Amino acid sequence: MMDPGSSNSAALVVPPSSEPSPSDLHDIKAPVPISNPWFWVGCALAALILALAARWAWNKWKSKRLAEALNIPVIPPHSRAREKLAAALQSINNPPLFCTQVADIIRVYLDERFDLRAPDRTTEEFLNELRHSRVLDETQKNMLEQFLTLCDLAKFARHEPNLKELERLHGAAAQLIDDTEPSAPAPDSRPA
């Protein structure tokens, strides 16, 4: 056993402190900013919209330049309709086909000339809309109703119009185009 007077020197020895001294301490780091993910989504969408707008503008400019380079004349609707009517005469011996062609020519002409959406509608829908429209006068509306009714009879009811009726049908279509053709601008009376 140990003598109580003797001391254990190892037990009295205090090891040096492992804590840093106040001069060794550093301040905490500043918070790291976290960016908003919606900001980057918005930037990406804005860039996409800008790219699409630039592409659209480029294509429009390019097509305009191409048209100018080719110098393609614009054929007015009444001229195209007259050409198609003349070509339709080749099928006058086939009444259903002839009536279908002539009716389609007039419907497309009215759509291009007056924006009446005639090709997209049934005859009944189109005539109902036409009653409330002011682009044609009453005589033209009545003539168009008779015209389209005869065409529908030939197309859907197997009515076989004779050659005289087909010629009248063609003449009525030509007359409608003549009556609704835009008038030529008056010549300029000022001296050059």
Protein backbone atom coordinates (compact mmCIF):
# COMPACT_ATOMS: atom_id res chain seq x y z
CA MET A 1 0.00 0.00 0.00
CA MET A 2 1.11 3.42 -0.45
CA ASP A 3 2.21 5.76 2.09
CA PRO A 4 -0.32 8.50 2.60
CA GLY A 5 2.39 11.09 2.89
CA SER A 6 3.84 10.25 -0.43
CA SER A 7 2.24 11.81 -3.39
CA ASN A 8 1.53 10.52 -6.73
CA SER A 9 3.19 13.02 -8.91
CA ALA A 10 1.53 11.73 -11.99
CA ALA A 11 -1.89 12.44 -10.64
CA LEU A 12 -1.05 16.01 -9.85
CA VAL A 13 0.33 16.87 -13.18
CA VAL A 14 -2.24 18.71 -15.25
CA PRO A 15 -1.75 18.32 -18.94
CA PRO A 16 -1.69 21.48 -21.03
CA SER A 17 -5.08 22.68 -22.22
CA SER A 18 -6.16 21.58 -25.71
CA GLU A 19 -8.51 24.54 -26.08
CA PRO A 20 -7.29 27.25 -28.43
CA SER A 21 -6.51 30.57 -26.99
CA PRO A 22 -8.76 33.53 -27.81
CA SER A 23 -6.23 34.74 -30.35
CA ASP A 24 -6.53 31.46 -32.28
CA LEU A 25 -10.38 31.76 -32.81
CA HIS A 26 -11.75 32.96 -36.17
CA ASP A 27 -15.12 34.59 -36.90
CA ILE A 28 -17.88 32.46 -38.49
CA LYS A 29 -18.26 32.50 -42.26
CA ALA A 30 -20.99 34.65 -43.87
CA PRO A 31 -24.12 32.83 -45.08
CA VAL A 32 -23.91 31.48 -48.62
CA PRO A 33 -26.70 33.00 -50.76
CA ILE A 34 -28.95 30.39 -52.40
CA SER A 35 -30.36 31.59 -55.70
CA ASN A 36 -34.06 31.38 -56.47
CA PRO A 37 -34.66 28.53 -58.97
CA TRP A 38 -37.65 30.39 -60.49
CA PHE A 39 -35.32 33.15 -61.56
CA TRP A 40 -33.41 30.67 -63.75
CA VAL A 41 -36.63 29.14 -65.07
CA GLY A 42 -37.82 32.64 -66.01
CA CYS A 43 -34.50 33.40 -67.71
CA ALA A 44 -34.69 30.17 -69.70
CA LEU A 45 -38.28 30.90 -70.80
CA ALA A 46 -37.38 34.45 -71.77
CA ALA A 47 -34.44 33.17 -73.81
CA LEU A 48 -36.66 30.59 -75.52
CA ILE A 49 -39.32 33.19 -76.38
CA LEU A 50 -36.66 35.55 -77.69
CA ALA A 51 -35.16 32.77 -79.83
CA LEU A 52 -38.58 31.83 -81.25
CA ALA A 53 -39.41 35.46 -82.02
CA ALA A 54 -36.05 35.90 -83.73
CA ARG A 55 -36.61 32.73 -85.79
CA TRP A 56 -40.11 33.88 -86.82
CA ALA A 57 -38.79 37.32 -87.82
CA TRP A 58 -35.95 35.72 -89.76
CA ASN A 59 -38.29 33.39 -91.65
CA LYS A 60 -40.68 36.24 -92.45
CA TRP A 61 -37.85 38.42 -93.69
CA LYS A 62 -36.37 35.55 -95.70
CA SER A 63 -39.68 34.66 -97.36
CA LYS A 64 -40.30 38.31 -98.19
CA ARG A 65 -36.86 38.60 -99.74
CA LEU A 66 -37.42 35.38 -101.67
CA ALA A 67 -40.75 36.61 -103.02
CA GLU A 68 -39.15 39.90 -104.02
CA ALA A 69 -36.27 38.07 -105.66
CA LEU A 70 -38.63 35.83 -107.62
CA ASN A 71 -40.93 38.78 -108.29
CA ILE A 72 -44.00 36.58 -108.07
CA PRO A 73 -47.08 38.53 -109.11
CA VAL A 74 -50.09 38.22 -106.85
CA ILE A 75 -53.10 36.97 -108.80
CA PRO A 76 -56.32 38.52 -107.47
CA PRO A 77 -59.14 36.16 -106.42
CA HIS A 78 -61.43 37.13 -109.31
CA SER A 79 -58.75 36.30 -111.89
CA ARG A 80 -58.01 32.93 -110.29
CA ALA A 81 -61.73 32.13 -110.15
CA ARG A 82 -62.22 32.99 -113.83
CA GLU A 83 -59.29 30.75 -114.81
CA LYS A 84 -60.71 27.88 -112.77
CA LEU A 85 -64.18 28.39 -114.25
CA ALA A 86 -62.73 28.19 -117.74
CA ALA A 87 -60.92 24.97 -116.81
CA ALA A 88 -64.11 23.52 -115.28
CA LEU A 89 -65.82 23.64 -118.68
CA GLN A 90 -63.79 20.56 -119.64
CA SER A 91 -65.91 18.47 -117.27
CA ILE A 92 -69.32 19.87 -118.33
CA ASN A 93 -70.31 16.44 -119.66
CA ASN A 94 -70.07 15.04 -116.12
CA PRO A 95 -72.77 17.04 -114.26
CA PRO A 96 -71.94 15.99 -110.65
CA LEU A 97 -68.24 16.70 -111.12
CA PHE A 98 -68.91 19.96 -112.98
CA CYS A 99 -71.34 21.19 -110.30
CA THR A 100 -68.90 20.27 -107.54
CA GLN A 101 -66.07 22.13 -109.26
CA VAL A 102 -68.12 25.25 -110.00
CA ALA A 103 -69.56 25.40 -106.48
CA ASP A 104 -66.10 24.99 -104.95
CA ILE A 105 -64.71 27.73 -107.21
CA ILE A 106 -67.41 30.17 -106.10
CA ARG A 107 -67.05 29.22 -102.43
CA VAL A 108 -63.28 29.73 -102.50
CA TYR A 109 -63.70 33.00 -104.41
CA LEU A 110 -66.19 34.34 -101.85
CA ASP A 111 -63.88 33.30 -99.03
CA GLU A 112 -60.84 34.99 -100.58
CA ARG A 113 -62.73 38.09 -101.71
CA PHE A 114 -65.03 38.72 -98.73
CA ASP A 115 -63.68 36.42 -95.99
CA LEU A 116 -67.04 34.62 -95.75
CA ARG A 117 -65.59 31.19 -94.80
CA ALA A 118 -67.81 29.60 -97.44
CA PRO A 119 -65.68 26.46 -98.04
CA ASP A 120 -65.86 25.50 -94.34
CA ARG A 121 -69.64 25.49 -94.07
CA THR A 122 -72.59 23.61 -95.40
CA THR A 123 -74.74 25.41 -97.94
CA GLU A 124 -77.43 26.01 -95.33
CA GLU A 125 -74.96 27.47 -92.81
CA PHE A 126 -73.35 29.63 -95.46
CA LEU A 127 -76.64 30.98 -96.81
CA ASN A 128 -77.85 31.72 -93.27
CA GLU A 129 -74.70 33.74 -92.59
CA LEU A 130 -75.01 35.43 -95.96
CA ARG A 131 -78.52 36.67 -95.12
CA HIS A 132 -77.02 38.78 -92.32
CA SER A 133 -74.08 39.99 -94.40
CA ARG A 134 -73.93 43.18 -96.41
CA VAL A 135 -71.19 42.22 -98.86
CA LEU A 136 -73.70 41.14 -101.52
CA ASP A 137 -76.93 42.81 -102.53
CA GLU A 138 -80.27 40.97 -102.43
CA THR A 139 -80.20 40.07 -106.13
CA GLN A 140 -76.75 38.51 -105.76
CA LYS A 141 -77.81 36.66 -102.60
CA ASN A 142 -80.87 35.20 -104.35
CA MET A 143 -78.86 34.21 -107.41
CA LEU A 144 -76.21 32.59 -105.18
CA GLU A 145 -78.87 30.66 -103.27
CA GLN A 146 -80.35 29.26 -106.50
CA PHE A 147 -76.87 28.50 -107.79
CA LEU A 148 -75.78 26.59 -104.67
CA THR A 149 -79.12 24.76 -104.44
CA LEU A 150 -78.79 23.48 -108.01
CA CYS A 151 -75.18 22.46 -107.34
CA ASP A 152 -76.24 20.58 -104.20
CA LEU A 153 -79.01 18.80 -106.07
CA ALA A 154 -76.50 17.58 -108.64
CA LYS A 155 -73.91 16.65 -106.01
CA PHE A 156 -76.09 14.98 -103.40
CA ALA A 157 -79.55 14.23 -104.83
CA ARG A 158 -78.35 12.71 -108.09
CA HIS A 159 -80.16 15.35 -110.11
CA GLU A 160 -78.77 15.35 -113.65
CA PRO A 161 -79.02 18.90 -115.00
CA ASN A 162 -79.08 19.13 -118.78
CA LEU A 163 -76.46 20.98 -120.79
CA LYS A 164 -78.49 24.23 -120.85
CA GLU A 165 -78.79 24.21 -117.05
CA LEU A 166 -75.06 23.57 -116.69
CA GLU A 167 -74.26 26.42 -119.06
CA ARG A 168 -76.60 28.71 -117.07
CA LEU A 169 -74.88 27.57 -113.88
CA HIS A 170 -71.50 28.44 -115.36
CA GLY A 171 -72.82 31.78 -116.57
CA ALA A 172 -74.28 32.57 -113.14
CA ALA A 173 -70.91 31.86 -111.52
CA ALA A 174 -69.13 34.08 -114.04
CA GLN A 175 -71.76 36.82 -113.53
CA LEU A 176 -71.30 36.70 -109.75
CA ILE A 177 -67.55 37.12 -110.16
CA ASP A 178 -68.05 40.00 -112.60
CA ASP A 179 -70.52 41.73 -110.26
CA THR A 180 -68.32 41.41 -107.17
CA GLU A 181 -64.94 42.09 -108.74
CA PRO A 182 -63.27 45.06 -107.08
CA SER A 183 -63.39 48.14 -109.24
CA ALA A 184 -60.12 49.34 -110.65
CA PRO A 185 -58.71 52.40 -108.93
CA ALA A 186 -59.38 55.64 -110.76
CA PRO A 187 -56.39 56.87 -112.75
CA ASP A 188 -54.53 59.69 -111.12
CA SER A 189 -55.57 62.94 -112.78
CA ARG A 190 -52.57 64.88 -111.51
CA PRO A 191 -49.84 65.59 -114.01
CA ALA A 192 -46.76 63.46 -113.67
